[in-house]
Amino acid sequence: MSVDVQEAPKNRLPVDKVLDPVDRASEAIFGIIMALSVTGSISVATAGEHEIRTMLLAALGCNLAWGITDAVMYLVSAVTEQNRRKALLLRLQRTHDADAAHRLIAGALPKALAGGASDETLEAIRRRLVVIPVPRTMLHSHDYAAALAVCAVVVLTTLPVAVPFLFIHDPRAAMAVSRSLALLDLFCCGSLLGHYSGGSTWRYGVSVTAIGVVLVLVIHALGG
């Protein structure tokens, strides 16, 4: 848990938040699975043009709705985090007992850091924080840009699954291409996670693809 309560520069987008590999890959995987669960709910053997169009709109609409929800929750999380840091700073500035202040700071630090932090280090952090003005809780342009990026990630992951139905008139062929692209997307997301973690990109890609397929089967089995 960070004790840095300073506000990010208003003219700079916090790229680490918007493009965090784990969060963005997870949202992309979720979008792909949602789209697959919708497109897989229709039988290509009996589906007509109207059914295909309805399914396509459902897949796009579902992911758009979830993308908007995800973006709103991102903003809620941003406000919550600001309030948490603000409350921590206020408690620290109102604490006149140095030992209590040190415990407060150590409790806010990651355990791996807190265990090795000396009293001198904690005191240096305390002296730095007690002179920081308490910031107002408010959303800035970079927060809204980040929320928009979150929404875009979820929505855009639907396109590879849905686009084949726009250009391929044979439902069977469109479904085959759609599923192939979805599997490729899942593999790419898994590879991204593997690269980020320092593990095998191939193993992560295959694992995430397999997990995605299993989850889609479970969703259908549960009536989703």
Protein backbone atom coordinates (compact mmCIF):
# COMPACT_ATOMS: atom_id res chain seq x y z
CA MET A 1 0.00 0.00 0.00
CA SER A 2 1.58 3.26 -1.06
CA VAL A 3 1.85 6.25 1.24
CA ASP A 4 2.43 8.62 -1.63
CA VAL A 5 -0.57 10.92 -1.40
CA GLN A 6 0.53 13.50 -3.91
CA GLU A 7 -1.74 14.03 -6.84
CA ALA A 8 -0.57 13.01 -10.29
CA PRO A 9 0.21 15.88 -12.62
CA LYS A 10 -2.99 16.99 -14.25
CA ASN A 11 -1.47 17.20 -17.71
CA ARG A 12 -0.01 13.70 -17.74
CA LEU A 13 -1.86 10.43 -18.20
CA PRO A 14 -0.82 7.75 -15.68
CA VAL A 15 0.18 5.19 -18.28
CA ASP A 16 1.02 2.56 -15.66
CA LYS A 17 -2.60 2.55 -14.51
CA VAL A 18 -4.19 2.50 -17.95
CA LEU A 19 -1.84 -0.01 -19.49
CA ASP A 20 -1.16 -2.29 -16.52
CA PRO A 21 -0.64 -5.66 -18.29
CA VAL A 22 -2.47 -7.80 -15.73
CA ASP A 23 -5.56 -5.59 -15.44
CA ARG A 24 -5.88 -4.90 -19.14
CA ALA A 25 -5.25 -8.52 -20.16
CA SER A 26 -7.79 -9.70 -17.59
CA GLU A 27 -10.41 -7.30 -18.94
CA ALA A 28 -9.64 -8.33 -22.51
CA ILE A 29 -9.98 -12.01 -21.59
CA PHE A 30 -13.27 -11.29 -19.87
CA GLY A 31 -14.57 -9.46 -22.96
CA ILE A 32 -13.58 -12.33 -25.24
CA ILE A 33 -15.29 -14.88 -22.99
CA MET A 34 -18.45 -12.80 -22.82
CA ALA A 35 -18.54 -12.46 -26.60
CA LEU A 36 -17.93 -16.18 -27.06
CA SER A 37 -20.71 -17.04 -24.63
CA VAL A 38 -23.14 -14.94 -26.68
CA THR A 39 -22.06 -16.09 -30.14
CA GLY A 40 -21.96 -19.71 -28.98
CA SER A 41 -25.56 -19.57 -27.81
CA ILE A 42 -26.92 -19.69 -31.36
CA SER A 43 -27.11 -22.76 -33.56
CA VAL A 44 -25.49 -22.10 -36.91
CA ALA A 45 -27.36 -25.04 -38.36
CA THR A 46 -30.76 -23.39 -37.95
CA ALA A 47 -29.89 -19.70 -37.61
CA GLY A 48 -31.20 -17.30 -40.20
CA GLU A 49 -30.07 -13.81 -41.06
CA HIS A 50 -32.33 -12.28 -38.40
CA GLU A 51 -31.00 -14.58 -35.67
CA ILE A 52 -27.41 -13.85 -36.65
CA ARG A 53 -28.05 -10.09 -36.57
CA THR A 54 -29.75 -10.38 -33.18
CA MET A 55 -26.86 -12.40 -31.81
CA LEU A 56 -24.33 -9.93 -33.18
CA LEU A 57 -26.11 -6.96 -31.63
CA ALA A 58 -26.39 -8.84 -28.33
CA ALA A 59 -22.66 -9.56 -28.27
CA LEU A 60 -21.75 -5.96 -29.06
CA GLY A 61 -24.33 -4.52 -26.69
CA CYS A 62 -23.36 -6.80 -23.84
CA ASN A 63 -19.70 -5.88 -24.02
CA LEU A 64 -20.49 -2.18 -24.49
CA ALA A 65 -22.64 -2.27 -21.35
CA TRP A 66 -19.92 -4.06 -19.40
CA GLY A 67 -17.26 -1.70 -20.75
CA ILE A 68 -19.25 1.29 -19.49
CA THR A 69 -19.75 -0.43 -16.13
CA ASP A 70 -16.05 -1.20 -15.88
CA ALA A 71 -15.18 2.42 -16.69
CA VAL A 72 -17.55 3.77 -14.04
CA MET A 73 -16.17 1.36 -11.45
CA TYR A 74 -12.67 2.51 -12.37
CA LEU A 75 -13.67 6.06 -11.48
CA VAL A 76 -15.27 4.85 -8.24
CA SER A 77 -12.04 3.05 -7.40
CA ALA A 78 -10.01 6.17 -8.17
CA VAL A 79 -12.12 8.27 -5.79
CA THR A 80 -11.96 5.57 -3.13
CA GLU A 81 -8.18 5.39 -3.39
CA GLN A 82 -7.89 9.17 -3.14
CA ASN A 83 -10.06 9.19 -0.01
CA ARG A 84 -8.02 6.36 1.52
CA ARG A 85 -4.77 8.22 0.97
CA LYS A 86 -6.30 11.46 2.21
CA ALA A 87 -7.51 9.77 5.42
CA LEU A 88 -4.08 8.19 5.93
CA LEU A 89 -2.35 11.55 5.52
CA LEU A 90 -4.74 13.26 7.94
CA ARG A 91 -4.20 10.56 10.57
CA LEU A 92 -0.46 10.85 10.16
CA GLN A 93 -0.45 14.64 10.43
CA ARG A 94 -2.65 14.55 13.53
CA THR A 95 -0.43 11.97 15.24
CA HIS A 96 2.15 13.63 17.50
CA ASP A 97 3.59 10.38 18.82
CA ALA A 98 6.51 9.45 16.56
CA ASP A 99 6.27 5.75 17.35
CA ALA A 100 2.55 5.70 16.50
CA ALA A 101 3.30 7.55 13.27
CA HIS A 102 5.98 5.02 12.40
CA ARG A 103 3.53 2.15 12.97
CA LEU A 104 0.99 3.90 10.78
CA ILE A 105 3.48 4.31 7.95
CA ALA A 106 4.77 0.75 8.31
CA GLY A 107 1.20 -0.54 8.17
CA ALA A 108 0.65 1.29 4.90
CA LEU A 109 3.82 -0.03 3.29
CA PRO A 110 4.02 -3.42 1.52
CA LYS A 111 5.00 -6.11 4.02
CA ALA A 112 8.24 -6.83 2.21
CA LEU A 113 9.29 -3.19 2.69
CA ALA A 114 7.77 -2.56 6.10
CA GLY A 115 9.69 -5.42 7.72
CA GLY A 116 13.05 -4.01 6.68
CA ALA A 117 12.34 -0.31 7.20
CA SER A 118 14.45 1.21 9.96
CA ASP A 119 13.20 3.84 12.39
CA GLU A 120 15.33 6.39 10.55
CA THR A 121 13.66 5.53 7.25
CA LEU A 122 10.18 5.70 8.75
CA GLU A 123 11.03 9.01 10.40
CA ALA A 124 12.27 10.42 7.11
CA ILE A 125 9.00 9.40 5.45
CA ARG A 126 7.01 10.92 8.33
CA ARG A 127 8.80 14.25 8.08
CA ARG A 128 8.16 14.35 4.35
CA LEU A 129 4.47 13.56 4.67
CA VAL A 130 3.56 15.86 7.55
CA VAL A 131 4.34 18.94 5.43
CA ILE A 132 2.33 17.82 2.40
CA PRO A 133 -0.93 19.77 1.94
CA VAL A 134 -3.98 17.53 2.20
CA PRO A 135 -5.30 17.18 -1.36
CA ARG A 136 -8.92 17.52 -2.37
CA THR A 137 -10.78 14.48 -3.59
CA MET A 138 -11.56 15.07 -7.24
CA LEU A 139 -11.30 13.37 -10.60
CA HIS A 140 -8.97 14.82 -13.22
CA SER A 141 -8.76 14.52 -16.97
CA HIS A 142 -6.32 11.61 -16.76
CA ASP A 143 -8.84 9.68 -14.63
CA TYR A 144 -11.54 10.06 -17.27
CA ALA A 145 -9.05 9.19 -20.02
CA ALA A 146 -8.08 6.06 -18.10
CA ALA A 147 -11.75 5.09 -17.65
CA LEU A 148 -12.30 5.57 -21.40
CA ALA A 149 -9.30 3.35 -22.13
CA VAL A 150 -10.67 0.67 -19.80
CA CYS A 151 -14.01 0.77 -21.63
CA ALA A 152 -12.27 0.62 -25.01
CA VAL A 153 -10.28 -2.47 -24.03
CA VAL A 154 -13.43 -4.36 -23.11
CA VAL A 155 -15.41 -3.23 -26.17
CA LEU A 156 -12.65 -3.72 -28.74
CA THR A 157 -12.06 -7.30 -27.65
CA THR A 158 -15.54 -8.08 -28.96
CA LEU A 159 -14.69 -7.10 -32.51
CA PRO A 160 -12.57 -10.13 -33.52
CA VAL A 161 -15.40 -12.38 -32.34
CA ALA A 162 -18.18 -10.38 -34.00
CA VAL A 163 -16.61 -9.07 -37.22
CA PRO A 164 -16.67 -12.42 -39.14
CA PHE A 165 -20.48 -12.41 -38.96
CA LEU A 166 -20.50 -9.04 -40.70
CA PHE A 167 -18.48 -10.15 -43.72
CA ILE A 168 -19.02 -13.91 -44.00
CA HIS A 169 -22.57 -14.85 -45.01
CA ASP A 170 -22.20 -18.57 -44.31
CA PRO A 171 -23.00 -18.92 -40.56
CA ARG A 172 -20.86 -22.05 -40.18
CA ALA A 173 -17.82 -20.44 -41.75
CA ALA A 174 -18.36 -17.22 -39.80
CA MET A 175 -18.59 -19.16 -36.53
CA ALA A 176 -15.40 -21.08 -37.33
CA VAL A 177 -13.47 -17.90 -38.12
CA SER A 178 -14.94 -16.14 -35.07
CA ARG A 179 -13.87 -18.91 -32.71
CA SER A 180 -10.44 -19.14 -34.27
CA LEU A 181 -9.87 -15.42 -33.81
CA ALA A 182 -11.17 -15.61 -30.23
CA LEU A 183 -8.74 -18.43 -29.43
CA LEU A 184 -5.92 -16.43 -30.99
CA ASP A 185 -6.89 -13.41 -28.87
CA LEU A 186 -6.92 -15.52 -25.72
CA PHE A 187 -3.51 -16.92 -26.60
CA CYS A 188 -2.12 -13.40 -27.15
CA CYS A 189 -3.51 -12.22 -23.81
CA GLY A 190 -1.96 -15.20 -22.09
CA SER A 191 1.36 -14.58 -23.82
CA LEU A 192 1.26 -10.97 -22.58
CA LEU A 193 0.77 -12.20 -19.02
CA GLY A 194 3.61 -14.69 -19.46
CA HIS A 195 5.95 -12.03 -20.76
CA TYR A 196 5.00 -9.67 -17.92
CA SER A 197 5.56 -12.33 -15.26
CA GLY A 198 8.85 -13.47 -16.75
CA GLY A 199 7.47 -16.94 -17.45
CA SER A 200 6.98 -18.88 -20.65
CA THR A 201 4.82 -16.89 -23.07
CA TRP A 202 3.87 -20.09 -24.90
CA ARG A 203 2.82 -21.90 -21.73
CA TYR A 204 0.83 -18.93 -20.47
CA GLY A 205 -0.83 -18.50 -23.85
CA VAL A 206 -1.93 -22.14 -24.01
CA SER A 207 -3.07 -22.10 -20.37
CA VAL A 208 -5.17 -18.94 -20.73
CA THR A 209 -6.70 -20.27 -23.94
CA ALA A 210 -7.65 -23.52 -22.22
CA ILE A 211 -9.06 -21.66 -19.22
CA GLY A 212 -11.12 -19.45 -21.54
CA VAL A 213 -12.59 -22.46 -23.34
CA VAL A 214 -13.46 -24.14 -20.04
CA LEU A 215 -15.11 -20.98 -18.72
CA VAL A 216 -17.24 -20.63 -21.85
CA LEU A 217 -18.36 -24.25 -21.46
CA VAL A 218 -19.20 -23.64 -17.80
CA ILE A 219 -21.19 -20.50 -18.69
CA HIS A 220 -23.23 -22.44 -21.23
CA ALA A 221 -23.71 -25.34 -18.82
CA LEU A 222 -25.10 -22.93 -16.23
CA GLY A 223 -27.51 -21.44 -18.73
CA GLY A 224 -25.49 -18.34 -19.57
